[in-house]
Amino acid sequence: MSTEQIMISLLGVVCTALGWFLNEMYRAVEKLKDDMSELEIKIGTDFVRYDRLQDMLKPIHQGIEEIKSWITGGKKP
């Protein structure tokens, strides 16, 4: 084999490896996009919004404040 044939064969192998690598990267990015969209949907349905959480925690905070004032002030609520 001549030097030119070796270089062309080497170029073919390099291009094949580069194509395979880029294809794998493309598939990984597409899978990541799908996973992120599923996660976005899951977060929207599984978790409570912050303002709703604050409304639910108000009675707990008031109870803690009453206990704290009773401990520090000495008077019962």
N, C-alpha and C. Protein backbone atom coordinates (compact mmCIF):
# COMPACT_ATOMS: atom_id res chain seq x y z
N MET A 1 0.85 -1.18 0.00
CA MET A 1 0.00 0.00 0.00
C MET A 1 0.88 1.23 0.00
N SER A 2 0.42 2.20 -0.75
CA SER A 2 1.19 3.43 -0.81
C SER A 2 0.80 4.34 0.37
N THR A 3 1.57 5.37 0.54
CA THR A 3 1.33 6.31 1.63
C THR A 3 -0.03 6.99 1.46
N GLU A 4 -0.39 7.26 0.22
CA GLU A 4 -1.68 7.92 -0.05
C GLU A 4 -2.84 7.01 0.36
N GLN A 5 -2.75 5.74 0.07
CA GLN A 5 -3.80 4.80 0.44
C GLN A 5 -3.91 4.66 1.96
N ILE A 6 -2.76 4.66 2.63
CA ILE A 6 -2.77 4.58 4.10
C ILE A 6 -3.43 5.82 4.71
N MET A 7 -3.10 6.98 4.16
CA MET A 7 -3.69 8.23 4.67
C MET A 7 -5.20 8.26 4.43
N ILE A 8 -5.65 7.81 3.27
CA ILE A 8 -7.08 7.79 2.96
C ILE A 8 -7.80 6.80 3.88
N SER A 9 -7.19 5.64 4.10
CA SER A 9 -7.79 4.65 5.01
C SER A 9 -7.86 5.20 6.42
N LEU A 10 -6.79 5.84 6.87
CA LEU A 10 -6.76 6.44 8.20
C LEU A 10 -7.82 7.54 8.32
N LEU A 11 -7.96 8.34 7.28
CA LEU A 11 -8.98 9.39 7.26
C LEU A 11 -10.38 8.78 7.35
N GLY A 12 -10.60 7.67 6.65
CA GLY A 12 -11.89 6.98 6.72
C GLY A 12 -12.20 6.47 8.12
N VAL A 13 -11.19 5.89 8.78
CA VAL A 13 -11.38 5.39 10.14
C VAL A 13 -11.66 6.54 11.09
N VAL A 14 -10.92 7.64 10.96
CA VAL A 14 -11.13 8.79 11.83
C VAL A 14 -12.52 9.38 11.61
N CYS A 15 -12.94 9.50 10.37
CA CYS A 15 -14.28 10.05 10.09
C CYS A 15 -15.38 9.13 10.62
N THR A 16 -15.17 7.83 10.53
CA THR A 16 -16.14 6.89 11.06
C THR A 16 -16.25 7.02 12.58
N ALA A 17 -15.09 7.08 13.25
CA ALA A 17 -15.10 7.22 14.71
C ALA A 17 -15.73 8.55 15.12
N LEU A 18 -15.41 9.61 14.41
CA LEU A 18 -15.99 10.92 14.73
C LEU A 18 -17.50 10.92 14.50
N GLY A 19 -17.95 10.30 13.43
CA GLY A 19 -19.39 10.20 13.16
C GLY A 19 -20.11 9.42 14.24
N TRP A 20 -19.52 8.30 14.68
CA TRP A 20 -20.12 7.51 15.74
C TRP A 20 -20.20 8.32 17.03
N PHE A 21 -19.11 9.02 17.36
CA PHE A 21 -19.09 9.82 18.57
C PHE A 21 -20.15 10.93 18.53
N LEU A 22 -20.25 11.62 17.41
CA LEU A 22 -21.25 12.70 17.29
C LEU A 22 -22.67 12.14 17.36
N ASN A 23 -22.89 10.96 16.79
CA ASN A 23 -24.20 10.32 16.86
C ASN A 23 -24.55 9.99 18.31
N GLU A 24 -23.60 9.46 19.06
CA GLU A 24 -23.83 9.15 20.47
C GLU A 24 -24.12 10.42 21.27
N MET A 25 -23.41 11.48 20.98
CA MET A 25 -23.66 12.75 21.66
C MET A 25 -25.06 13.28 21.35
N TYR A 26 -25.47 13.17 20.10
CA TYR A 26 -26.80 13.62 19.70
C TYR A 26 -27.88 12.82 20.43
N ARG A 27 -27.70 11.50 20.50
CA ARG A 27 -28.68 10.66 21.21
C ARG A 27 -28.73 11.01 22.70
N ALA A 28 -27.57 11.28 23.28
CA ALA A 28 -27.53 11.63 24.71
C ALA A 28 -28.25 12.95 24.97
N VAL A 29 -28.06 13.91 24.08
CA VAL A 29 -28.73 15.21 24.24
C VAL A 29 -30.24 15.05 24.08
N GLU A 30 -30.68 14.26 23.13
CA GLU A 30 -32.11 14.03 22.95
C GLU A 30 -32.71 13.33 24.16
N LYS A 31 -32.01 12.35 24.72
CA LYS A 31 -32.49 11.67 25.92
C LYS A 31 -32.55 12.63 27.09
N LEU A 32 -31.56 13.49 27.20
CA LEU A 32 -31.55 14.48 28.27
C LEU A 32 -32.73 15.44 28.13
N LYS A 33 -33.04 15.85 26.91
CA LYS A 33 -34.20 16.72 26.68
C LYS A 33 -35.48 16.02 27.13
N ASP A 34 -35.63 14.74 26.78
CA ASP A 34 -36.82 14.00 27.18
C ASP A 34 -36.91 13.88 28.70
N ASP A 35 -35.77 13.57 29.33
CA ASP A 35 -35.76 13.45 30.79
C ASP A 35 -36.11 14.77 31.46
N MET A 36 -35.59 15.86 30.93
CA MET A 36 -35.88 17.18 31.51
C MET A 36 -37.35 17.53 31.36
N SER A 37 -37.95 17.22 30.22
CA SER A 37 -39.37 17.54 30.06
C SER A 37 -40.22 16.69 30.99
N GLU A 38 -39.85 15.40 31.19
CA GLU A 38 -40.58 14.57 32.15
C GLU A 38 -40.43 15.11 33.56
N LEU A 39 -39.23 15.56 33.90
CA LEU A 39 -38.98 16.12 35.23
C LEU A 39 -39.78 17.41 35.43
N GLU A 40 -39.85 18.22 34.39
CA GLU A 40 -40.61 19.47 34.48
C GLU A 40 -42.08 19.19 34.74
N ILE A 41 -42.62 18.18 34.08
CA ILE A 41 -44.02 17.81 34.29
C ILE A 41 -44.20 17.26 35.69
N LYS A 42 -43.25 16.42 36.15
CA LYS A 42 -43.35 15.83 37.47
C LYS A 42 -43.26 16.89 38.56
N ILE A 43 -42.38 17.84 38.41
CA ILE A 43 -42.24 18.90 39.41
C ILE A 43 -43.52 19.71 39.48
N GLY A 44 -44.14 19.98 38.35
CA GLY A 44 -45.37 20.75 38.33
C GLY A 44 -46.54 20.05 38.99
N THR A 45 -46.52 18.72 39.00
CA THR A 45 -47.65 18.00 39.58
C THR A 45 -47.39 17.47 40.98
N ASP A 46 -46.14 17.22 41.33
CA ASP A 46 -45.83 16.58 42.61
C ASP A 46 -45.53 17.55 43.74
N PHE A 47 -45.12 18.74 43.45
CA PHE A 47 -44.69 19.65 44.49
C PHE A 47 -45.68 20.80 44.67
N VAL A 48 -45.75 21.31 45.88
CA VAL A 48 -46.67 22.39 46.22
C VAL A 48 -46.01 23.73 45.89
N ARG A 49 -46.80 24.63 45.33
CA ARG A 49 -46.26 25.96 45.04
C ARG A 49 -45.92 26.66 46.35
N TYR A 50 -44.97 27.57 46.29
CA TYR A 50 -44.46 28.23 47.50
C TYR A 50 -45.55 29.04 48.20
N ASP A 51 -46.37 29.78 47.46
CA ASP A 51 -47.40 30.60 48.11
C ASP A 51 -48.46 29.73 48.79
N ARG A 52 -48.80 28.59 48.20
CA ARG A 52 -49.75 27.68 48.85
C ARG A 52 -49.13 27.06 50.09
N LEU A 53 -47.84 26.80 50.05
CA LEU A 53 -47.15 26.25 51.20
C LEU A 53 -47.16 27.25 52.35
N GLN A 54 -46.94 28.53 52.05
CA GLN A 54 -46.95 29.55 53.08
C GLN A 54 -48.32 29.64 53.74
N ASP A 55 -49.38 29.55 52.96
CA ASP A 55 -50.73 29.59 53.51
C ASP A 55 -50.99 28.40 54.44
N MET A 56 -50.47 27.23 54.07
CA MET A 56 -50.67 26.04 54.90
C MET A 56 -49.84 26.10 56.18
N LEU A 57 -48.72 26.79 56.16
CA LEU A 57 -47.84 26.83 57.32
C LEU A 57 -48.17 27.95 58.31
N LYS A 58 -49.06 28.87 57.95
CA LYS A 58 -49.40 29.98 58.85
C LYS A 58 -49.91 29.50 60.22
N PRO A 59 -50.83 28.54 60.29
CA PRO A 59 -51.28 28.09 61.62
C PRO A 59 -50.15 27.49 62.45
N ILE A 60 -49.24 26.80 61.81
CA ILE A 60 -48.11 26.21 62.53
C ILE A 60 -47.21 27.31 63.08
N HIS A 61 -46.94 28.32 62.26
CA HIS A 61 -46.11 29.43 62.72
C HIS A 61 -46.79 30.19 63.86
N GLN A 62 -48.10 30.38 63.77
CA GLN A 62 -48.81 31.06 64.86
C GLN A 62 -48.74 30.26 66.15
N GLY A 63 -48.88 28.94 66.05
CA GLY A 63 -48.78 28.10 67.24
C GLY A 63 -47.39 28.17 67.86
N ILE A 64 -46.37 28.17 67.02
CA ILE A 64 -45.00 28.28 67.53
C ILE A 64 -44.79 29.62 68.21
N GLU A 65 -45.32 30.68 67.64
CA GLU A 65 -45.20 32.02 68.24
C GLU A 65 -45.91 32.07 69.59
N GLU A 66 -47.09 31.43 69.70
CA GLU A 66 -47.80 31.39 70.97
C GLU A 66 -47.00 30.64 72.02
N ILE A 67 -46.41 29.54 71.63
CA ILE A 67 -45.59 28.77 72.58
C ILE A 67 -44.38 29.57 73.01
N LYS A 68 -43.76 30.26 72.05
CA LYS A 68 -42.58 31.06 72.36
C LYS A 68 -42.94 32.21 73.28
N SER A 69 -44.07 32.88 73.05
CA SER A 69 -44.47 33.98 73.91
C SER A 69 -44.84 33.47 75.31
N TRP A 70 -45.43 32.28 75.38
CA TRP A 70 -45.77 31.70 76.68
C TRP A 70 -44.50 31.35 77.47
N ILE A 71 -43.49 30.84 76.76
CA ILE A 71 -42.23 30.49 77.43
C ILE A 71 -41.50 31.74 77.89
N THR A 72 -41.42 32.73 77.03
CA THR A 72 -40.64 33.93 77.37
C THR A 72 -41.43 34.87 78.29
N GLY A 73 -42.73 34.97 78.11
CA GLY A 73 -43.52 35.91 78.89
C GLY A 73 -44.11 35.31 80.13
N GLY A 74 -44.26 34.02 80.15
CA GLY A 74 -44.79 33.36 81.33
C GLY A 74 -46.30 33.34 81.39
N LYS A 75 -47.01 33.86 80.40
CA LYS A 75 -48.46 33.83 80.44
C LYS A 75 -48.97 32.79 79.45
N LYS A 76 -50.07 32.15 79.80
CA LYS A 76 -50.65 31.10 78.96
C LYS A 76 -51.44 31.73 77.82
N PRO A 77 -51.45 31.08 76.70
CA PRO A 77 -52.22 31.60 75.54
C PRO A 77 -53.70 31.53 75.73
